Amino acid sequence: MLVRLVTGCSWEDAERLCDRKVSDTAVRSRRDEWVEAGVFEAMMDEALGAYETTVLGHVRRHGVPKRDRRRSDKTTSAPPPI
């Protein structure tokens, strides 16, 4: 399931990428069980909580980094690391 989430590939391709150690139908069935049990919802809640604690907590403590005015307005770059 993780291969499919990371790569976005089809279920059949995920089975092939995992050397056919588990069938795509078995993984789909397990996914359905996990959806029914709320596993993915719980994972999302945990991920959002961690994001709020780390990233938003950093922004609340230190503010948003100011733009480097020495750079040209036409220059684009990646945001500074947090």
C-alpha atoms as a PDB file:
ATOM      1  CA  MET A   1       0.000   0.000   0.000  1.00  0.00           C
ATOM      2  CA  LEU A   2       2.863   2.345   0.787  1.00  0.00           C
ATOM      3  CA  VAL A   3       4.354   1.843  -2.687  1.00  0.00           C
ATOM      4  CA  ARG A   4       1.084   2.943  -4.220  1.00  0.00           C
ATOM      5  CA  LEU A   5       0.736   5.959  -1.919  1.00  0.00           C
ATOM      6  CA  VAL A   6       4.286   7.120  -2.626  1.00  0.00           C
ATOM      7  CA  THR A   7       4.405   6.470  -6.377  1.00  0.00           C
ATOM      8  CA  GLY A   8       0.769   6.896  -7.365  1.00  0.00           C
ATOM      9  CA  CYS A   9       1.041   3.772  -9.509  1.00  0.00           C
ATOM     10  CA  SER A  10      -1.782   1.336 -10.203  1.00  0.00           C
ATOM     11  CA  TRP A  11      -2.551  -1.549  -7.851  1.00  0.00           C
ATOM     12  CA  GLU A  12      -1.200  -3.988 -10.419  1.00  0.00           C
ATOM     13  CA  ASP A  13       2.051  -2.048 -10.809  1.00  0.00           C
ATOM     14  CA  ALA A  14       2.425  -1.891  -7.026  1.00  0.00           C
ATOM     15  CA  GLU A  15       2.127  -5.675  -6.911  1.00  0.00           C
ATOM     16  CA  ARG A  16       4.836  -5.978  -9.566  1.00  0.00           C
ATOM     17  CA  LEU A  17       7.108  -3.457  -7.802  1.00  0.00           C
ATOM     18  CA  CYS A  18       6.827  -5.566  -4.630  1.00  0.00           C
ATOM     19  CA  ASP A  19       8.014  -8.652  -6.505  1.00  0.00           C
ATOM     20  CA  ARG A  20       4.489 -10.105  -6.333  1.00  0.00           C
ATOM     21  CA  LYS A  21       4.905 -10.886  -2.616  1.00  0.00           C
ATOM     22  CA  VAL A  22       1.305  -9.812  -2.043  1.00  0.00           C
ATOM     23  CA  SER A  23      -1.554  -9.667  -4.531  1.00  0.00           C
ATOM     24  CA  ASP A  24      -3.130  -6.388  -5.526  1.00  0.00           C
ATOM     25  CA  THR A  25      -6.562  -7.746  -4.535  1.00  0.00           C
ATOM     26  CA  ALA A  26      -5.308  -8.605  -1.034  1.00  0.00           C
ATOM     27  CA  VAL A  27      -3.926  -5.092  -0.583  1.00  0.00           C
ATOM     28  CA  ARG A  28      -7.165  -3.544  -1.838  1.00  0.00           C
ATOM     29  CA  SER A  29      -9.151  -5.652   0.623  1.00  0.00           C
ATOM     30  CA  ARG A  30      -6.874  -4.600   3.477  1.00  0.00           C
ATOM     31  CA  ARG A  31      -7.224  -0.959   2.442  1.00  0.00           C
ATOM     32  CA  ASP A  32     -11.006  -1.291   2.548  1.00  0.00           C
ATOM     33  CA  GLU A  33     -10.778  -2.798   6.056  1.00  0.00           C
ATOM     34  CA  TRP A  34      -8.563   0.060   7.203  1.00  0.00           C
ATOM     35  CA  VAL A  35     -10.894   2.690   5.726  1.00  0.00           C
ATOM     36  CA  GLU A  36     -13.820   1.058   7.523  1.00  0.00           C
ATOM     37  CA  ALA A  37     -11.845   0.962  10.800  1.00  0.00           C
ATOM     38  CA  GLY A  38     -10.848   4.654  10.519  1.00  0.00           C
ATOM     39  CA  VAL A  39      -7.110   3.968  10.242  1.00  0.00           C
ATOM     40  CA  PHE A  40      -6.490   6.587   7.547  1.00  0.00           C
ATOM     41  CA  GLU A  41      -8.556   9.195   9.354  1.00  0.00           C
ATOM     42  CA  ALA A  42      -6.512   8.589  12.520  1.00  0.00           C
ATOM     43  CA  MET A  43      -3.284   8.867  10.512  1.00  0.00           C
ATOM     44  CA  MET A  44      -4.438  12.193   9.055  1.00  0.00           C
ATOM     45  CA  ASP A  45      -5.280  13.491  12.527  1.00  0.00           C
ATOM     46  CA  GLU A  46      -1.807  12.509  13.766  1.00  0.00           C
ATOM     47  CA  ALA A  47      -0.112  14.111  10.747  1.00  0.00           C
ATOM     48  CA  LEU A  48      -2.037  17.365  11.158  1.00  0.00           C
ATOM     49  CA  GLY A  49      -1.266  17.411  14.880  1.00  0.00           C
ATOM     50  CA  ALA A  50       2.437  16.926  14.200  1.00  0.00           C
ATOM     51  CA  TYR A  51       2.378  19.667  11.552  1.00  0.00           C
ATOM     52  CA  GLU A  52       0.723  22.063  13.949  1.00  0.00           C
ATOM     53  CA  THR A  53       3.196  21.236  16.712  1.00  0.00           C
ATOM     54  CA  THR A  54       6.319  21.558  14.572  1.00  0.00           C
ATOM     55  CA  VAL A  55       5.779  23.903  11.637  1.00  0.00           C
ATOM     56  CA  LEU A  56       3.063  26.162  12.964  1.00  0.00           C
ATOM     57  CA  GLY A  57       4.653  26.150  16.401  1.00  0.00           C
ATOM     58  CA  HIS A  58       7.905  27.390  14.859  1.00  0.00           C
ATOM     59  CA  VAL A  59       6.066  30.147  12.974  1.00  0.00           C
ATOM     60  CA  ARG A  60       4.232  31.201  16.130  1.00  0.00           C
ATOM     61  CA  ARG A  61       7.494  31.373  18.101  1.00  0.00           C
ATOM     62  CA  HIS A  62       9.726  32.919  15.446  1.00  0.00           C
ATOM     63  CA  GLY A  63       7.403  34.463  12.868  1.00  0.00           C
ATOM     64  CA  VAL A  64       7.562  34.073   9.131  1.00  0.00           C
ATOM     65  CA  PRO A  65      11.080  34.568   7.718  1.00  0.00           C
ATOM     66  CA  LYS A  66      11.460  37.952   6.014  1.00  0.00           C
ATOM     67  CA  ARG A  67      12.288  38.121   2.356  1.00  0.00           C
ATOM     68  CA  ASP A  68      15.910  38.894   1.534  1.00  0.00           C
ATOM     69  CA  ARG A  69      15.664  42.367   0.016  1.00  0.00           C
ATOM     70  CA  ARG A  70      19.085  42.037  -1.595  1.00  0.00           C
ATOM     71  CA  ARG A  71      17.612  39.640  -4.150  1.00  0.00           C
ATOM     72  CA  SER A  72      16.035  40.950  -7.317  1.00  0.00           C
ATOM     73  CA  ASP A  73      12.234  40.908  -7.407  1.00  0.00           C
ATOM     74  CA  LYS A  74      12.510  38.789 -10.565  1.00  0.00           C
ATOM     75  CA  THR A  75      14.552  36.092  -8.838  1.00  0.00           C
ATOM     76  CA  THR A  76      12.632  33.152  -7.499  1.00  0.00           C
ATOM     77  CA  SER A  77      14.057  30.719  -5.007  1.00  0.00           C
ATOM     78  CA  ALA A  78      12.977  28.038  -2.614  1.00  0.00           C
ATOM     79  CA  PRO A  79      11.663  29.214   0.742  1.00  0.00           C
ATOM     80  CA  PRO A  80      14.203  29.274   3.578  1.00  0.00           C
ATOM     81  CA  PRO A  81      14.418  26.151   5.724  1.00  0.00           C
ATOM     82  CA  ILE A  82      12.452  26.177   8.945  1.00  0.00           C
END
